[in-house]
Protein backbone atom coordinates (compact mmCIF):
# COMPACT_ATOMS: atom_id res chain seq x y z
CA MET A 1 -6.51 -2.21 -6.72
CA ALA A 2 -3.92 -3.68 -4.83
CA ASP A 3 -3.90 -7.38 -4.45
CA LEU A 4 -2.47 -6.83 -0.85
CA ILE A 5 -2.15 -3.87 1.62
CA ILE A 6 0.98 -3.65 3.28
CA VAL A 7 2.09 -1.68 6.45
CA VAL A 8 4.66 0.95 5.51
CA ASP A 9 8.32 0.98 7.33
CA THR A 10 8.16 -2.67 8.16
CA ALA A 11 10.19 -5.20 7.04
CA VAL A 12 7.89 -7.36 4.60
CA VAL A 13 7.93 -10.46 2.50
CA VAL A 14 6.36 -9.95 -0.63
CA PRO A 15 4.97 -12.75 -3.64
CA VAL A 16 7.62 -12.09 -6.65
CA ASN A 17 4.97 -13.88 -8.83
CA LEU A 18 1.35 -14.04 -9.62
CA LEU A 19 1.37 -17.60 -11.08
CA PRO A 20 3.95 -20.05 -11.09
CA LEU A 21 7.04 -19.48 -12.66
CA ILE A 22 7.04 -21.33 -16.04
CA ASP A 23 9.63 -23.18 -18.44
CA ASP A 24 10.21 -21.31 -21.83
CA THR A 25 10.38 -24.24 -23.61
CA ASP A 26 7.32 -26.43 -23.31
CA PHE A 27 5.72 -23.67 -21.85
CA LYS A 28 3.97 -25.42 -18.95
CA THR A 29 6.28 -27.01 -16.78
CA ILE A 30 6.77 -25.60 -13.15
CA GLU A 31 9.95 -24.18 -12.59
CA ALA A 32 9.97 -24.90 -8.87
CA ALA A 33 13.85 -24.93 -8.38
CA VAL A 34 15.01 -21.17 -9.61
CA ALA A 35 17.77 -20.71 -7.13
CA TYR A 36 18.48 -16.72 -5.99
CA ASN A 37 21.26 -16.23 -8.06
CA ALA A 38 19.94 -18.50 -10.92
CA ALA A 39 21.54 -17.96 -14.65
CA GLY A 40 19.88 -14.90 -16.19
CA MET A 41 17.78 -13.66 -13.40
CA ASP A 42 16.94 -9.39 -13.88
CA LEU A 43 14.64 -8.85 -11.18
CA ARG A 44 12.55 -5.68 -10.59
CA TRP A 45 11.14 -3.63 -8.06
CA ASN A 46 8.40 -1.28 -9.83
CA PHE A 47 6.87 1.31 -7.53
CA VAL A 48 4.41 4.51 -8.07
CA THR A 49 4.33 6.63 -5.41
CA VAL A 50 1.02 8.29 -4.15
CA ALA A 51 2.46 11.59 -5.93
CA GLY A 52 2.28 9.63 -9.34
CA VAL A 53 6.37 9.09 -9.24
CA GLN A 54 7.26 5.94 -10.97
CA THR A 55 10.54 3.99 -10.19
CA SER A 56 11.95 0.46 -11.60
CA THR A 57 15.07 -0.58 -9.94
CA ALA A 58 16.92 -3.62 -9.95
CA VAL A 59 17.60 -6.03 -7.06
CA THR A 60 19.62 -8.90 -6.65
CA PRO A 61 18.65 -11.33 -4.44
CA THR A 62 20.17 -13.38 -1.34
CA THR A 63 19.58 -16.11 1.02
CA ALA A 64 20.50 -14.16 4.10
CA SER A 65 20.63 -10.70 4.13
CA ASN A 66 18.05 -7.71 3.09
CA HIS A 67 16.22 -9.40 -0.05
CA ASP A 68 15.95 -13.17 0.79
CA TRP A 69 14.87 -15.11 -2.05
CA THR A 70 12.38 -18.11 -0.91
CA HIS A 71 10.25 -20.86 -2.89
CA LEU A 72 7.34 -21.17 -1.43
CA GLY A 73 6.23 -24.08 -3.21
CA ASP A 74 4.77 -24.85 -6.93
CA GLY A 75 7.11 -22.31 -8.50
CA ILE A 76 5.80 -19.85 -6.14
CA TYR A 77 8.93 -17.35 -5.02
CA SER A 78 8.70 -14.80 -2.22
CA MET A 79 11.21 -11.92 -1.48
CA GLU A 80 11.80 -10.04 1.81
CA ILE A 81 11.94 -6.22 1.74
CA PRO A 82 13.34 -4.39 4.74
CA ALA A 83 11.67 -1.31 6.50
CA SER A 84 15.11 0.52 5.69
CA GLY A 85 18.46 -0.43 4.58
CA GLY A 86 18.18 -2.37 1.21
CA THR A 87 18.47 -1.62 -2.15
CA VAL A 88 14.67 -1.23 -2.14
CA SER A 89 12.91 -0.79 1.30
CA ASN A 90 9.60 -0.54 2.39
CA ASP A 91 9.45 3.22 3.87
CA THR A 92 7.25 5.10 1.20
CA GLU A 93 3.32 5.05 0.65
CA GLY A 94 2.31 4.17 -2.52
CA PHE A 95 2.13 0.91 -4.68
CA GLY A 96 4.90 -1.81 -5.86
CA TRP A 97 5.31 -4.77 -7.83
CA TRP A 98 7.82 -7.38 -8.91
CA SER A 99 8.63 -8.61 -12.87
CA GLY A 100 11.51 -10.23 -14.03
CA VAL A 101 13.29 -12.96 -16.41
CA VAL A 102 15.03 -15.76 -15.48
CA THR A 103 16.66 -18.05 -18.24
CA GLY A 104 15.00 -21.02 -18.80
CA VAL A 105 11.65 -19.52 -17.59
CA LEU A 106 8.72 -16.95 -19.23
CA PRO A 107 8.86 -13.82 -18.18
CA PHE A 108 6.77 -12.97 -15.20
CA ARG A 109 5.28 -10.00 -12.82
CA GLY A 110 3.98 -10.40 -8.97
CA PRO A 111 0.84 -8.92 -7.47
CA VAL A 112 0.22 -5.39 -6.64
CA VAL A 113 1.01 -4.57 -3.35
CA GLN A 114 -0.15 -1.50 -1.70
CA PHE A 115 2.13 -0.11 1.34
CA SER A 116 -0.31 2.31 3.78
CA PRO A 117 -0.08 3.79 7.29
CA ALA A 118 -0.78 1.24 9.48
CA ASP A 119 -4.12 3.14 10.40
CA ILE A 120 -4.87 2.93 7.16
CA ALA A 121 -4.12 -0.52 6.79
CA HIS A 122 -5.76 -1.73 9.90
CA GLY A 123 -8.63 0.01 9.28
CA LEU A 124 -9.32 -1.38 5.67
CA VAL A 125 -8.15 -4.94 6.44
CA THR A 126 -8.41 -5.87 9.75
CA GLY A 127 -10.89 -3.12 11.00
CA THR A 128 -8.99 -2.24 14.24
CA GLU A 129 -8.42 1.36 13.43
CA PHE A 130 -10.68 4.32 12.60
CA LEU A 131 -9.72 5.70 9.22
CA PRO A 132 -9.13 9.80 9.31
CA VAL A 133 -11.18 11.18 7.35
CA ASP A 134 -9.81 15.21 7.76
CA GLY A 135 -6.92 16.04 9.10
CA TYR A 136 -7.97 18.86 10.08
CA LYS A 137 -10.38 20.07 13.18
CA GLN A 138 -14.09 20.60 11.86
CA GLU A 139 -14.86 24.51 12.43
CA VAL A 140 -18.41 25.72 12.48
CA THR A 141 -20.34 28.76 12.87
CA ILE A 142 -23.60 29.57 14.18
CA THR A 143 -25.79 32.36 12.97
CA GLY A 144 -29.29 32.17 14.19
CA ALA A 145 -30.56 28.68 13.21
CA THR A 146 -28.29 28.03 11.03
CA LEU A 147 -25.09 25.70 11.09
CA GLN A 148 -22.39 26.45 8.85
CA PRO A 149 -19.04 23.79 8.68
CA LYS A 150 -16.10 25.10 7.24
CA LYS A 151 -12.92 23.72 4.88
CA PRO A 152 -9.93 23.24 6.28
CA ASP A 153 -8.84 26.68 4.23
CA GLY A 154 -11.26 28.36 6.54
CA THR A 155 -13.78 29.30 3.51
CA THR A 156 -17.59 28.81 3.81
CA ASN A 157 -18.52 25.00 3.06
CA THR A 158 -22.08 26.02 2.21
CA GLY A 159 -22.86 22.46 1.02
CA TYR A 160 -22.98 21.47 4.33
CA SER A 161 -25.13 24.03 5.66
CA ARG A 162 -27.81 22.95 8.15
CA THR A 163 -31.01 24.49 9.83
CA LEU A 164 -30.68 23.88 13.49
CA ALA A 165 -34.41 23.00 15.32
CA THR A 166 -34.62 24.70 18.06
CA ASP A 167 -36.26 23.10 21.87
CA PRO A 168 -36.69 25.33 24.63
CA ALA A 169 -35.97 22.45 27.42
CA ALA A 170 -32.93 21.60 25.63
CA GLU A 171 -29.59 22.24 27.24
CA PRO A 172 -27.66 25.64 25.76
CA ILE A 173 -24.63 25.46 23.24
CA ILE A 174 -21.96 27.36 25.02
CA SER A 175 -18.72 26.45 23.50
CA SER A 176 -17.32 25.00 20.33
CA THR A 177 -14.87 22.24 22.15
């Protein structure tokens, strides 16, 4: 399950770390001043597509370009991911998260972010879109009093057959559209 759901193909700001960055000498001091170009920074964008292809890409943070590094407060940082044109871009459906190390800081990782088409993100999060259940037009056949849906490949879907009740006063079915 993703911690965040984001619309694909838009510029976004993604949390870099799930918990505050912590000093690696005393294991408790919050690191609230890690700069975008801090010594020893190795920041990676880990991504798994919906087809299961996993990548891990090194990304260099900036302060005025495609991958802006921002301190949000209390040791929590974020990074911009553009819709296109960056070392990594928000142009593919799937799941991503940041992981990294910095000199003087314990290794860290960010929350898992789900990148989905707008109708999915808005259907699941805001409830302002209908979720498409099947991209194919539902086809049915009626034989006698049996309504028989078909699968997208045209074969009979026997698990959903229904017997029609008849009413002599009802309007007749004259078309399937």
